C-alpha atoms as a PDB file:
ATOM      1  CA  UNK A   1      90.005 102.527  99.757  1.00  0.00           C
ATOM      2  CA  UNK A   2      90.084 102.854  95.999  1.00  0.00           C
ATOM      3  CA  UNK A   3      93.144 104.519  94.525  1.00  0.00           C
ATOM      4  CA  UNK A   4      94.998 104.723  97.847  1.00  0.00           C
ATOM      5  CA  UNK A   5      97.648 102.729  99.628  1.00  0.00           C
ATOM      6  CA  UNK A   6      96.413 100.484 102.374  1.00  0.00           C
ATOM      7  CA  UNK A   7      97.608 101.120 105.937  1.00  0.00           C
ATOM      8  CA  UNK A   8      99.637  97.901 105.891  1.00  0.00           C
ATOM      9  CA  UNK A   9     101.523  99.000 102.782  1.00  0.00           C
ATOM     10  CA  UNK A  10     102.285 102.381 104.338  1.00  0.00           C
ATOM     11  CA  UNK A  11     103.561 100.622 107.479  1.00  0.00           C
ATOM     12  CA  UNK A  12     105.817  98.279 105.510  1.00  0.00           C
ATOM     13  CA  UNK A  13     107.247 101.196 103.549  1.00  0.00           C
ATOM     14  CA  UNK A  14     107.877 103.186 106.749  1.00  0.00           C
ATOM     15  CA  UNK A  15     109.583 100.292 108.572  1.00  0.00           C
ATOM     16  CA  UNK A  16     111.730  99.480 105.540  1.00  0.00           C
ATOM     17  CA  UNK A  17     112.818 103.084 105.018  1.00  0.00           C
ATOM     18  CA  UNK A  18     113.675 103.944 108.611  1.00  0.00           C
ATOM     19  CA  UNK A  19     115.320 100.616 109.279  1.00  0.00           C
ATOM     20  CA  UNK A  20     117.601 101.226 106.304  1.00  0.00           C
ATOM     21  CA  UNK A  21     118.333 104.778 107.498  1.00  0.00           C
ATOM     22  CA  UNK A  22     119.012 103.622 111.073  1.00  0.00           C
ATOM     23  CA  UNK A  23     121.445 100.809 110.323  1.00  0.00           C
ATOM     24  CA  UNK A  24     124.370 103.205 109.984  1.00  0.00           C
ATOM     25  CA  UNK A  25     123.448 104.980 113.231  1.00  0.00           C
ATOM     26  CA  UNK A  26     123.232 101.713 115.157  1.00  0.00           C
ATOM     27  CA  UNK A  27     126.641 100.671 113.827  1.00  0.00           C
ATOM     28  CA  UNK A  28     128.253 103.995 114.774  1.00  0.00           C
ATOM     29  CA  UNK A  29     126.672 104.180 118.204  1.00  0.00           C
ATOM     30  CA  UNK A  30     126.034 100.621 119.469  1.00  0.00           C
ATOM     31  CA  UNK A  31     125.993 101.776 123.079  1.00  0.00           C
ATOM     32  CA  UNK A  32     123.270 104.323 122.367  1.00  0.00           C
ATOM     33  CA  UNK A  33     120.513 101.856 121.501  1.00  0.00           C
ATOM     34  CA  UNK A  34     118.227 103.323 124.166  1.00  0.00           C
ATOM     35  CA  UNK A  35     118.504 106.687 122.418  1.00  0.00           C
ATOM     36  CA  UNK A  36     118.172 105.430 118.859  1.00  0.00           C
ATOM     37  CA  UNK A  37     115.327 102.930 119.333  1.00  0.00           C
ATOM     38  CA  UNK A  38     112.699 105.473 120.500  1.00  0.00           C
ATOM     39  CA  UNK A  39     113.588 107.729 117.571  1.00  0.00           C
ATOM     40  CA  UNK A  40     113.211 104.810 115.170  1.00  0.00           C
ATOM     41  CA  UNK A  41     109.764 103.983 116.565  1.00  0.00           C
ATOM     42  CA  UNK A  42     108.587 107.594 116.617  1.00  0.00           C
ATOM     43  CA  UNK A  43     109.716 108.047 112.992  1.00  0.00           C
ATOM     44  CA  UNK A  44     107.544 105.129 111.909  1.00  0.00           C
ATOM     45  CA  UNK A  45     104.536 106.379 113.872  1.00  0.00           C
ATOM     46  CA  UNK A  46     104.914 109.881 112.453  1.00  0.00           C
ATOM     47  CA  UNK A  47     105.296 108.406 108.960  1.00  0.00           C
ATOM     48  CA  UNK A  48     101.961 106.599 109.330  1.00  0.00           C
ATOM     49  CA  UNK A  49     100.356 109.818 110.541  1.00  0.00           C
ATOM     50  CA  UNK A  50     101.830 111.650 107.550  1.00  0.00           C
ATOM     51  CA  UNK A  51     100.421 108.985 105.228  1.00  0.00           C
ATOM     52  CA  UNK A  52      96.941 109.571 106.682  1.00  0.00           C
ATOM     53  CA  UNK A  53      97.296 113.345 106.190  1.00  0.00           C
ATOM     54  CA  UNK A  54      98.432 112.873 102.590  1.00  0.00           C
ATOM     55  CA  UNK A  55      95.413 110.657 101.995  1.00  0.00           C
ATOM     56  CA  UNK A  56      93.080 113.426 103.148  1.00  0.00           C
ATOM     57  CA  UNK A  57      94.816 115.885 100.826  1.00  0.00           C
ATOM     58  CA  UNK A  58      94.079 113.743  97.749  1.00  0.00           C
ATOM     59  CA  UNK A  59      90.653 115.362  97.390  1.00  0.00           C
ATOM     60  CA  UNK A  60      92.031 118.900  97.257  1.00  0.00           C
ATOM     61  CA  UNK A  61      93.060 120.756  94.074  1.00  0.00           C
ATOM     62  CA  UNK A  62      96.582 119.867  92.996  1.00  0.00           C
ATOM     63  CA  UNK A  63      98.261 123.141  94.040  1.00  0.00           C
ATOM     64  CA  UNK A  64      96.599 123.132  97.458  1.00  0.00           C
ATOM     65  CA  UNK A  65      97.476 119.471  97.966  1.00  0.00           C
ATOM     66  CA  UNK A  66     101.138 120.144  97.174  1.00  0.00           C
ATOM     67  CA  UNK A  67     101.264 123.173  99.470  1.00  0.00           C
ATOM     68  CA  UNK A  68      99.621 121.461 102.417  1.00  0.00           C
ATOM     69  CA  UNK A  69     101.693 118.359 101.712  1.00  0.00           C
ATOM     70  CA  UNK A  70     104.938 120.329 102.034  1.00  0.00           C
ATOM     71  CA  UNK A  71     103.698 121.871 105.284  1.00  0.00           C
ATOM     72  CA  UNK A  72     102.767 118.412 106.578  1.00  0.00           C
ATOM     73  CA  UNK A  73     106.257 117.090 105.772  1.00  0.00           C
ATOM     74  CA  UNK A  74     107.881 120.080 107.515  1.00  0.00           C
ATOM     75  CA  UNK A  75     105.655 119.697 110.580  1.00  0.00           C
ATOM     76  CA  UNK A  76     106.398 115.979 110.776  1.00  0.00           C
ATOM     77  CA  UNK A  77     110.145 116.593 110.392  1.00  0.00           C
ATOM     78  CA  UNK A  78     110.071 119.284 113.093  1.00  0.00           C
ATOM     79  CA  UNK A  79     108.183 116.965 115.465  1.00  0.00           C
ATOM     80  CA  UNK A  80     110.719 114.190 114.937  1.00  0.00           C
ATOM     81  CA  UNK A  81     113.666 116.587 115.359  1.00  0.00           C
ATOM     82  CA  UNK A  82     112.192 117.909 118.618  1.00  0.00           C
ATOM     83  CA  UNK A  83     111.642 114.348 119.864  1.00  0.00           C
ATOM     84  CA  UNK A  84     115.229 113.388 119.008  1.00  0.00           C
ATOM     85  CA  UNK A  85     116.700 116.371 120.848  1.00  0.00           C
ATOM     86  CA  UNK A  86     114.493 115.694 123.875  1.00  0.00           C
ATOM     87  CA  UNK A  87     115.544 112.035 123.935  1.00  0.00           C
ATOM     88  CA  UNK A  88     119.226 112.947 123.681  1.00  0.00           C
ATOM     89  CA  UNK A  89     118.960 115.535 126.489  1.00  0.00           C
ATOM     90  CA  UNK A  90     116.968 113.307 128.856  1.00  0.00           C
ATOM     91  CA  UNK A  91     118.282 109.811 128.164  1.00  0.00           C
ATOM     92  CA  UNK A  92     121.736 110.640 126.840  1.00  0.00           C
ATOM     93  CA  UNK A  93     123.482 111.555 130.138  1.00  0.00           C
ATOM     94  CA  UNK A  94     122.445 108.178 131.611  1.00  0.00           C
ATOM     95  CA  UNK A  95     123.528 105.918 128.732  1.00  0.00           C
ATOM     96  CA  UNK A  96     126.360 108.035 127.279  1.00  0.00           C
ATOM     97  CA  UNK A  97     128.142 109.590 130.257  1.00  0.00           C
ATOM     98  CA  UNK A  98     130.441 112.328 129.133  1.00  0.00           C
ATOM     99  CA  UNK A  99     128.775 112.548 125.722  1.00  0.00           C
ATOM    100  CA  UNK A 100     129.858 110.806 122.533  1.00  0.00           C
ATOM    101  CA  UNK A 101     132.181 111.679 119.705  1.00  0.00           C
ATOM    102  CA  UNK A 102     129.728 110.718 116.984  1.00  0.00           C
ATOM    103  CA  UNK A 103     128.441 113.770 115.070  1.00  0.00           C
ATOM    104  CA  UNK A 104     124.793 114.408 115.802  1.00  0.00           C
ATOM    105  CA  UNK A 105     124.719 112.368 118.993  1.00  0.00           C
ATOM    106  CA  UNK A 106     126.713 114.494 121.374  1.00  0.00           C
ATOM    107  CA  UNK A 107     124.812 115.322 124.554  1.00  0.00           C
ATOM    108  CA  UNK A 108     122.966 118.614 124.114  1.00  0.00           C
ATOM    109  CA  UNK A 109     123.740 119.972 127.575  1.00  0.00           C
ATOM    110  CA  UNK A 110     123.275 123.622 126.612  1.00  0.00           C
ATOM    111  CA  UNK A 111     120.553 125.552 124.858  1.00  0.00           C
ATOM    112  CA  UNK A 112     122.832 126.430 121.924  1.00  0.00           C
ATOM    113  CA  UNK A 113     123.771 122.767 121.417  1.00  0.00           C
ATOM    114  CA  UNK A 114     120.117 121.786 121.576  1.00  0.00           C
ATOM    115  CA  UNK A 115     119.197 124.373 118.899  1.00  0.00           C
ATOM    116  CA  UNK A 116     122.067 123.181 116.697  1.00  0.00           C
ATOM    117  CA  UNK A 117     120.981 119.564 116.983  1.00  0.00           C
ATOM    118  CA  UNK A 118     117.378 120.536 116.308  1.00  0.00           C
ATOM    119  CA  UNK A 119     118.413 122.321 113.104  1.00  0.00           C
ATOM    120  CA  UNK A 120     120.499 119.353 111.963  1.00  0.00           C
ATOM    121  CA  UNK A 121     117.674 116.967 112.805  1.00  0.00           C
ATOM    122  CA  UNK A 122     115.147 119.169 111.025  1.00  0.00           C
ATOM    123  CA  UNK A 123     117.137 119.150 107.796  1.00  0.00           C
ATOM    124  CA  UNK A 124     117.787 115.411 107.939  1.00  0.00           C
ATOM    125  CA  UNK A 125     114.196 114.499 108.780  1.00  0.00           C
ATOM    126  CA  UNK A 126     112.805 116.830 106.116  1.00  0.00           C
ATOM    127  CA  UNK A 127     114.757 114.881 103.514  1.00  0.00           C
ATOM    128  CA  UNK A 128     113.686 111.514 104.985  1.00  0.00           C
ATOM    129  CA  UNK A 129     109.996 112.358 105.375  1.00  0.00           C
ATOM    130  CA  UNK A 130     110.000 114.143 102.016  1.00  0.00           C
ATOM    131  CA  UNK A 131     111.280 110.976 100.370  1.00  0.00           C
ATOM    132  CA  UNK A 132     108.609 108.970 102.172  1.00  0.00           C
ATOM    133  CA  UNK A 133     105.865 111.385 101.056  1.00  0.00           C
ATOM    134  CA  UNK A 134     107.110 111.227  97.454  1.00  0.00           C
ATOM    135  CA  UNK A 135     107.074 107.422  97.553  1.00  0.00           C
ATOM    136  CA  UNK A 136     103.546 107.435  98.989  1.00  0.00           C
ATOM    137  CA  UNK A 137     102.347 109.822  96.272  1.00  0.00           C
ATOM    138  CA  UNK A 138     103.958 107.758  93.508  1.00  0.00           C
ATOM    139  CA  UNK A 139     102.451 104.507  94.752  1.00  0.00           C
ATOM    140  CA  UNK A 140      99.048 106.184  95.141  1.00  0.00           C
ATOM    141  CA  UNK A 141      99.221 107.447  91.562  1.00  0.00           C
ATOM    142  CA  UNK A 142     100.075 103.955  90.307  1.00  0.00           C
ATOM    143  CA  UNK A 143      97.203 102.446  92.296  1.00  0.00           C
ATOM    144  CA  UNK A 144      94.728 105.018  90.975  1.00  0.00           C
ATOM    145  CA  UNK A 145      95.861 104.279  87.418  1.00  0.00           C
ATOM    146  CA  UNK A 146      95.434 100.536  87.985  1.00  0.00           C
ATOM    147  CA  UNK A 147      92.009 101.040  89.568  1.00  0.00           C
ATOM    148  CA  UNK A 148      90.877 103.152  86.619  1.00  0.00           C
ATOM    149  CA  UNK A 149      92.047 100.468  84.191  1.00  0.00           C
ATOM    150  CA  UNK A 150      90.211  97.760  86.141  1.00  0.00           C
ATOM    151  CA  UNK A 151      87.012  99.802  86.230  1.00  0.00           C
ATOM    152  CA  UNK A 152      87.211 100.403  82.483  1.00  0.00           C
ATOM    153  CA  UNK A 153      87.777  96.708  81.793  1.00  0.00           C
ATOM    154  CA  UNK A 154      84.935  95.681  84.087  1.00  0.00           C
ATOM    155  CA  UNK A 155      82.444  98.173  82.629  1.00  0.00           C
ATOM    156  CA  UNK A 156      83.428  97.107  79.114  1.00  0.00           C
ATOM    157  CA  UNK A 157      81.538  93.887  79.799  1.00  0.00           C
ATOM    158  CA  UNK A 158      78.163  95.548  80.332  1.00  0.00           C
ATOM    159  CA  UNK A 159      77.368  96.671  76.739  1.00  0.00           C
ATOM    160  CA  UNK A 160      78.932  93.459  75.378  1.00  0.00           C
ATOM    161  CA  UNK A 161      76.712  91.298  77.587  1.00  0.00           C
ATOM    162  CA  UNK A 162      73.619  93.445  77.016  1.00  0.00           C
ATOM    163  CA  UNK A 163      74.044  93.254  73.240  1.00  0.00           C
ATOM    164  CA  UNK A 164      74.150  89.446  73.330  1.00  0.00           C
ATOM    165  CA  UNK A 165      71.138  89.167  75.632  1.00  0.00           C
ATOM    166  CA  UNK A 166      69.002  91.586  73.607  1.00  0.00           C
ATOM    167  CA  UNK A 167      69.827  89.534  70.528  1.00  0.00           C
ATOM    168  CA  UNK A 168      68.479  86.491  72.334  1.00  0.00           C
ATOM    169  CA  UNK A 169      65.254  88.319  73.231  1.00  0.00           C
ATOM    170  CA  UNK A 170      64.905  89.518  69.644  1.00  0.00           C
ATOM    171  CA  UNK A 171      65.291  85.928  68.504  1.00  0.00           C
ATOM    172  CA  UNK A 172      62.431  84.813  70.753  1.00  0.00           C
ATOM    173  CA  UNK A 173      60.194  87.569  69.432  1.00  0.00           C
ATOM    174  CA  UNK A 174      60.969  86.585  65.830  1.00  0.00           C
ATOM    175  CA  UNK A 175      60.035  83.013  66.692  1.00  0.00           C
ATOM    176  CA  UNK A 176      56.695  84.210  68.030  1.00  0.00           C
ATOM    177  CA  UNK A 177      57.508  83.154  71.604  1.00  0.00           C
ATOM    178  CA  UNK A 178      56.129  86.298  73.257  1.00  0.00           C
ATOM    179  CA  UNK A 179      55.579  84.692  76.646  1.00  0.00           C
ATOM    180  CA  UNK A 180      59.136  83.377  76.838  1.00  0.00           C
ATOM    181  CA  UNK A 181      60.439  86.758  75.671  1.00  0.00           C
ATOM    182  CA  UNK A 182      58.496  88.469  78.484  1.00  0.00           C
ATOM    183  CA  UNK A 183      59.975  86.105  81.068  1.00  0.00           C
ATOM    184  CA  UNK A 184      63.419  86.700  79.635  1.00  0.00           C
ATOM    185  CA  UNK A 185      63.030  90.480  79.868  1.00  0.00           C
ATOM    186  CA  UNK A 186      62.022  90.189  83.537  1.00  0.00           C
ATOM    187  CA  UNK A 187      64.955  87.872  84.217  1.00  0.00           C
ATOM    188  CA  UNK A 188      67.275  90.255  82.392  1.00  0.00           C
ATOM    189  CA  UNK A 189      66.018  93.144  84.511  1.00  0.00           C
ATOM    190  CA  UNK A 190      66.813  91.275  87.718  1.00  0.00           C
ATOM    191  CA  UNK A 191      70.187  90.181  86.392  1.00  0.00           C
ATOM    192  CA  UNK A 192      71.194  93.703  85.379  1.00  0.00           C
ATOM    193  CA  UNK A 193      70.047  95.101  88.712  1.00  0.00           C
ATOM    194  CA  UNK A 194      72.478  92.744  90.405  1.00  0.00           C
ATOM    195  CA  UNK A 195      75.450  93.045  88.057  1.00  0.00           C
ATOM    196  CA  UNK A 196      75.361  96.825  87.667  1.00  0.00           C
ATOM    197  CA  UNK A 197      75.640  97.306  91.438  1.00  0.00           C
ATOM    198  CA  UNK A 198      78.800  95.203  91.708  1.00  0.00           C
ATOM    199  CA  UNK A 199      81.962  97.124  92.557  1.00  0.00           C
ATOM    200  CA  UNK A 200      84.570  96.439  89.845  1.00  0.00           C
ATOM    201  CA  UNK A 201      87.383  96.775  92.407  1.00  0.00           C
ATOM    202  CA  UNK A 202      86.052  94.173  94.831  1.00  0.00           C
ATOM    203  CA  UNK A 203      86.260  90.426  94.423  1.00  0.00           C
ATOM    204  CA  UNK A 204      83.206  88.311  95.127  1.00  0.00           C
ATOM    205  CA  UNK A 205      82.752  84.823  96.619  1.00  0.00           C
ATOM    206  CA  UNK A 206      82.758  82.116  93.966  1.00  0.00           C
ATOM    207  CA  UNK A 207      79.289  80.956  94.991  1.00  0.00           C
ATOM    208  CA  UNK A 208      77.917  84.430  94.146  1.00  0.00           C
ATOM    209  CA  UNK A 209      79.747  84.586  90.824  1.00  0.00           C
ATOM    210  CA  UNK A 210      78.450  81.162  89.837  1.00  0.00           C
ATOM    211  CA  UNK A 211      74.973  82.138  91.021  1.00  0.00           C
ATOM    212  CA  UNK A 212      75.003  85.056  88.557  1.00  0.00           C
ATOM    213  CA  UNK A 213      76.115  82.769  85.740  1.00  0.00           C
ATOM    214  CA  UNK A 214      73.333  80.335  86.644  1.00  0.00           C
ATOM    215  CA  UNK A 215      70.830  83.208  86.303  1.00  0.00           C
ATOM    216  CA  UNK A 216      72.272  84.106  82.904  1.00  0.00           C
ATOM    217  CA  UNK A 217      72.125  80.485  81.727  1.00  0.00           C
ATOM    218  CA  UNK A 218      68.496  80.316  82.839  1.00  0.00           C
ATOM    219  CA  UNK A 219      67.821  83.390  80.701  1.00  0.00           C
ATOM    220  CA  UNK A 220      69.421  81.825  77.644  1.00  0.00           C
ATOM    221  CA  UNK A 221      67.674  78.516  78.199  1.00  0.00           C
ATOM    222  CA  UNK A 222      64.405  80.328  77.562  1.00  0.00           C
ATOM    223  CA  UNK A 223      65.586  80.698  73.987  1.00  0.00           C
ATOM    224  CA  UNK A 224      67.323  77.361  73.490  1.00  0.00           C
ATOM    225  CA  UNK A 225      65.126  75.156  75.673  1.00  0.00           C
ATOM    226  CA  UNK A 226      65.020  72.386  73.060  1.00  0.00           C
ATOM    227  CA  UNK A 227      68.798  72.002  72.679  1.00  0.00           C
ATOM    228  CA  UNK A 228      70.562  73.622  75.635  1.00  0.00           C
ATOM    229  CA  UNK A 229      71.430  72.189  79.033  1.00  0.00           C
ATOM    230  CA  UNK A 230      73.974  73.212  81.626  1.00  0.00           C
ATOM    231  CA  UNK A 231      75.812  71.518  84.464  1.00  0.00           C
ATOM    232  CA  UNK A 232      77.416  73.514  87.295  1.00  0.00           C
ATOM    233  CA  UNK A 233      80.006  71.782  89.464  1.00  0.00           C
ATOM    234  CA  UNK A 234      81.059  73.643  92.612  1.00  0.00           C
ATOM    235  CA  UNK A 235      82.824  71.385  95.141  1.00  0.00           C
ATOM    236  CA  UNK A 236      82.190  71.895  98.838  1.00  0.00           C
ATOM    237  CA  UNK A 237      84.787  74.152 100.406  1.00  0.00           C
ATOM    238  CA  UNK A 238      85.242  76.438  97.395  1.00  0.00           C
ATOM    239  CA  UNK A 239      82.086  78.494  97.898  1.00  0.00           C
ATOM    240  CA  UNK A 240      83.987  81.297  99.640  1.00  0.00           C
ATOM    241  CA  UNK A 241      86.924  81.423  97.228  1.00  0.00           C
ATOM    242  CA  UNK A 242      87.344  84.984  95.914  1.00  0.00           C
ATOM    243  CA  UNK A 243      87.212  85.809  92.204  1.00  0.00           C
ATOM    244  CA  UNK A 244      86.920  89.053  90.193  1.00  0.00           C
ATOM    245  CA  UNK A 245      83.259  89.888  89.634  1.00  0.00           C
ATOM    246  CA  UNK A 246      81.796  88.643  86.332  1.00  0.00           C
ATOM    247  CA  UNK A 247      85.107  87.100  85.285  1.00  0.00           C
ATOM    248  CA  UNK A 248      83.178  84.071  83.955  1.00  0.00           C
ATOM    249  CA  UNK A 249      80.601  86.089  82.020  1.00  0.00           C
ATOM    250  CA  UNK A 250      82.439  86.264  78.669  1.00  0.00           C
ATOM    251  CA  UNK A 251      83.158  82.523  78.797  1.00  0.00           C
ATOM    252  CA  UNK A 252      79.502  81.673  79.384  1.00  0.00           C
ATOM    253  CA  UNK A 253      78.401  84.067  76.653  1.00  0.00           C
ATOM    254  CA  UNK A 254      80.824  82.511  74.177  1.00  0.00           C
ATOM    255  CA  UNK A 255      79.703  79.006  75.108  1.00  0.00           C
ATOM    256  CA  UNK A 256      76.091  79.982  74.365  1.00  0.00           C
ATOM    257  CA  UNK A 257      76.747  82.018  71.255  1.00  0.00           C
ATOM    258  CA  UNK A 258      79.408  79.873  69.607  1.00  0.00           C
ATOM    259  CA  UNK A 259      78.446  76.504  71.050  1.00  0.00           C
ATOM    260  CA  UNK A 260      74.678  76.299  71.455  1.00  0.00           C
ATOM    261  CA  UNK A 261      73.529  78.858  68.885  1.00  0.00           C
ATOM    262  CA  UNK A 262      75.943  77.562  66.222  1.00  0.00           C
ATOM    263  CA  UNK A 263      74.858  73.935  66.622  1.00  0.00           C
ATOM    264  CA  UNK A 264      71.779  72.085  65.440  1.00  0.00           C
ATOM    265  CA  UNK A 265      72.019  69.356  68.093  1.00  0.00           C
ATOM    266  CA  UNK A 266      71.698  69.573  71.899  1.00  0.00           C
ATOM    267  CA  UNK A 267      74.690  71.111  73.648  1.00  0.00           C
ATOM    268  CA  UNK A 268      75.542  70.931  77.338  1.00  0.00           C
ATOM    269  CA  UNK A 269      77.548  73.743  78.952  1.00  0.00           C
ATOM    270  CA  UNK A 270      79.641  72.598  81.907  1.00  0.00           C
ATOM    271  CA  UNK A 271      80.840  75.200  84.408  1.00  0.00           C
ATOM    272  CA  UNK A 272      83.317  73.650  86.822  1.00  0.00           C
ATOM    273  CA  UNK A 273      85.482  74.894  89.709  1.00  0.00           C
ATOM    274  CA  UNK A 274      88.237  72.849  91.284  1.00  0.00           C
ATOM    275  CA  UNK A 275      91.227  73.276  93.566  1.00  0.00           C
ATOM    276  CA  UNK A 276      94.749  72.333  92.561  1.00  0.00           C
ATOM    277  CA  UNK A 277      97.131  72.839  95.514  1.00  0.00           C
ATOM    278  CA  UNK A 278      97.038  76.608  96.177  1.00  0.00           C
ATOM    279  CA  UNK A 279      95.378  77.416  92.854  1.00  0.00           C
ATOM    280  CA  UNK A 280      91.757  77.823  91.812  1.00  0.00           C
ATOM    281  CA  UNK A 281      90.843  76.512  88.367  1.00  0.00           C
ATOM    282  CA  UNK A 282      87.620  77.613  86.665  1.00  0.00           C
ATOM    283  CA  UNK A 283      86.577  76.095  83.364  1.00  0.00           C
ATOM    284  CA  UNK A 284      83.683  76.422  80.932  1.00  0.00           C
ATOM    285  CA  UNK A 285      83.196  73.582  78.470  1.00  0.00           C
ATOM    286  CA  UNK A 286      80.724  73.123  75.629  1.00  0.00           C
ATOM    287  CA  UNK A 287      80.209  70.881  72.644  1.00  0.00           C
ATOM    288  CA  UNK A 288      81.584  71.987  69.289  1.00  0.00           C
ATOM    289  CA  UNK A 289      79.178  72.562  66.383  1.00  0.00           C
ATOM    290  CA  UNK A 290      78.851  69.828  63.802  1.00  0.00           C
ATOM    291  CA  UNK A 291      81.406  69.517  61.062  1.00  0.00           C
ATOM    292  CA  UNK A 292      80.692  71.942  58.313  1.00  0.00           C
ATOM    293  CA  UNK A 293      79.443  74.612  60.701  1.00  0.00           C
ATOM    294  CA  UNK A 294      81.311  77.897  60.711  1.00  0.00           C
ATOM    295  CA  UNK A 295      83.090  77.688  64.046  1.00  0.00           C
ATOM    296  CA  UNK A 296      86.779  78.474  64.291  1.00  0.00           C
ATOM    297  CA  UNK A 297      86.999  81.850  66.025  1.00  0.00           C
ATOM    298  CA  UNK A 298      83.813  83.770  65.203  1.00  0.00           C
ATOM    299  CA  UNK A 299      83.804  87.532  64.920  1.00  0.00           C
ATOM    300  CA  UNK A 300      83.536  89.251  68.269  1.00  0.00           C
ATOM    301  CA  UNK A 301      84.694  86.260  70.272  1.00  0.00           C
ATOM    302  CA  UNK A 302      88.091  87.826  70.977  1.00  0.00           C
ATOM    303  CA  UNK A 303      86.633  90.868  72.766  1.00  0.00           C
ATOM    304  CA  UNK A 304      85.492  88.986  75.849  1.00  0.00           C
ATOM    305  CA  UNK A 305      88.579  86.782  76.007  1.00  0.00           C
ATOM    306  CA  UNK A 306      90.922  89.747  75.703  1.00  0.00           C
ATOM    307  CA  UNK A 307      88.968  91.480  78.464  1.00  0.00           C
ATOM    308  CA  UNK A 308      89.484  88.484  80.766  1.00  0.00           C
ATOM    309  CA  UNK A 309      93.229  88.405  80.094  1.00  0.00           C
ATOM    310  CA  UNK A 310      93.559  92.166  80.689  1.00  0.00           C
ATOM    311  CA  UNK A 311      91.598  92.000  83.962  1.00  0.00           C
ATOM    312  CA  UNK A 312      93.607  89.043  85.252  1.00  0.00           C
ATOM    313  CA  UNK A 313      96.869  90.781  84.350  1.00  0.00           C
ATOM    314  CA  UNK A 314      95.812  93.971  86.133  1.00  0.00           C
ATOM    315  CA  UNK A 315      94.603  92.047  89.183  1.00  0.00           C
ATOM    316  CA  UNK A 316      97.213  89.295  89.591  1.00  0.00           C
ATOM    317  CA  UNK A 317     100.290  90.317  87.624  1.00  0.00           C
ATOM    318  CA  UNK A 318     101.871  87.116  86.325  1.00  0.00           C
ATOM    319  CA  UNK A 319     100.149  84.771  88.789  1.00  0.00           C
ATOM    320  CA  UNK A 320      97.425  83.580  86.419  1.00  0.00           C
ATOM    321  CA  UNK A 321      96.858  81.380  83.384  1.00  0.00           C
ATOM    322  CA  UNK A 322      94.149  81.523  80.760  1.00  0.00           C
ATOM    323  CA  UNK A 323      93.741  78.993  77.965  1.00  0.00           C
ATOM    324  CA  UNK A 324      91.084  78.253  75.349  1.00  0.00           C
ATOM    325  CA  UNK A 325      90.737  75.700  72.592  1.00  0.00           C
ATOM    326  CA  UNK A 326      89.272  72.377  71.446  1.00  0.00           C
ATOM    327  CA  UNK A 327      89.801  69.307  73.644  1.00  0.00           C
ATOM    328  CA  UNK A 328      89.109  65.610  73.262  1.00  0.00           C
ATOM    329  CA  UNK A 329      85.542  64.448  72.840  1.00  0.00           C
ATOM    330  CA  UNK A 330      84.494  67.159  70.428  1.00  0.00           C
ATOM    331  CA  UNK A 331      84.473  69.798  73.149  1.00  0.00           C
ATOM    332  CA  UNK A 332      85.712  73.368  73.484  1.00  0.00           C
ATOM    333  CA  UNK A 333      87.134  74.437  76.833  1.00  0.00           C
ATOM    334  CA  UNK A 334      88.143  77.779  78.329  1.00  0.00           C
ATOM    335  CA  UNK A 335      90.070  77.590  81.585  1.00  0.00           C
ATOM    336  CA  UNK A 336      91.199  80.215  84.115  1.00  0.00           C
ATOM    337  CA  UNK A 337      93.795  79.486  86.789  1.00  0.00           C
ATOM    338  CA  UNK A 338      94.415  82.018  89.550  1.00  0.00           C
ATOM    339  CA  UNK A 339      95.651  82.123  93.167  1.00  0.00           C
ATOM    340  CA  UNK A 340      93.254  80.527  95.630  1.00  0.00           C
ATOM    341  CA  UNK A 341      92.094  83.123  98.161  1.00  0.00           C
ATOM    342  CA  UNK A 342      89.320  82.544 100.667  1.00  0.00           C
ATOM    343  CA  UNK A 343      87.005  85.219 102.080  1.00  0.00           C
END
């Protein structure tokens, strides 16, 4: 679910919080484990239920969401307080004969004592569940912010890619290659239909990502048929590795624009994937233009590369590497290294 905590994250947060809160109780009342354990479990279950309620409230106006959220916290706290008092009254006499001297755990053997313990439990649980709800809301806000950033970065690619492709079509038309331009427009239409339906927040299998890049390279080969070739190397076993959608697109575009288009001799673009321990390495390699050609770092090249770095940072934190530059053999290589994850 976009912008929201996953159920597993809510569970981990609930277990961590109530385990920390219960350590002191277990130390003070070691003989009352049978009383404390059910309360610990019910707190976690109610916390997960509260997380689901808070999720539903995200679609309401802010003031309504806050109001219903406070009511949800109070209702959850009251339910837990009632469960605690019931457990103490029913289980307590059997495991703590004569009661206990620990505040809050004395046997509620009268109605007045039960009401007093309920009130104490209500106040304590309101604070605990309120803290949990605040943590959930903060983490949800951070996730929504991250999702929005990732969507913006992903959609930034579309006009950049479209501009480059339309330039290629315009070049074919100027050359008088109307038939090739027509085929390129049809190929572009199919390519855009596929790429524009991709969800920016979902990773895709590597075989699909490379398939899209193959389609794009086929489009560009219509223009540079006399001096462009490409070689795609996808080892068996890596087809289902997960990668951010269109993460290779800027690299392929740069290889075409600044490798093939800037050179007067044939250039081969090599797209390669390989596994190194628990890492996935993706590289795009192309021949450098002849000496005397204006290569270096052409205008506009940094946009796509910066987009890749920003997307990898948003998606993987510090668990990625991205490098570009000339290598031996008169080649230029761009390489991405990220955690290997299989679908």
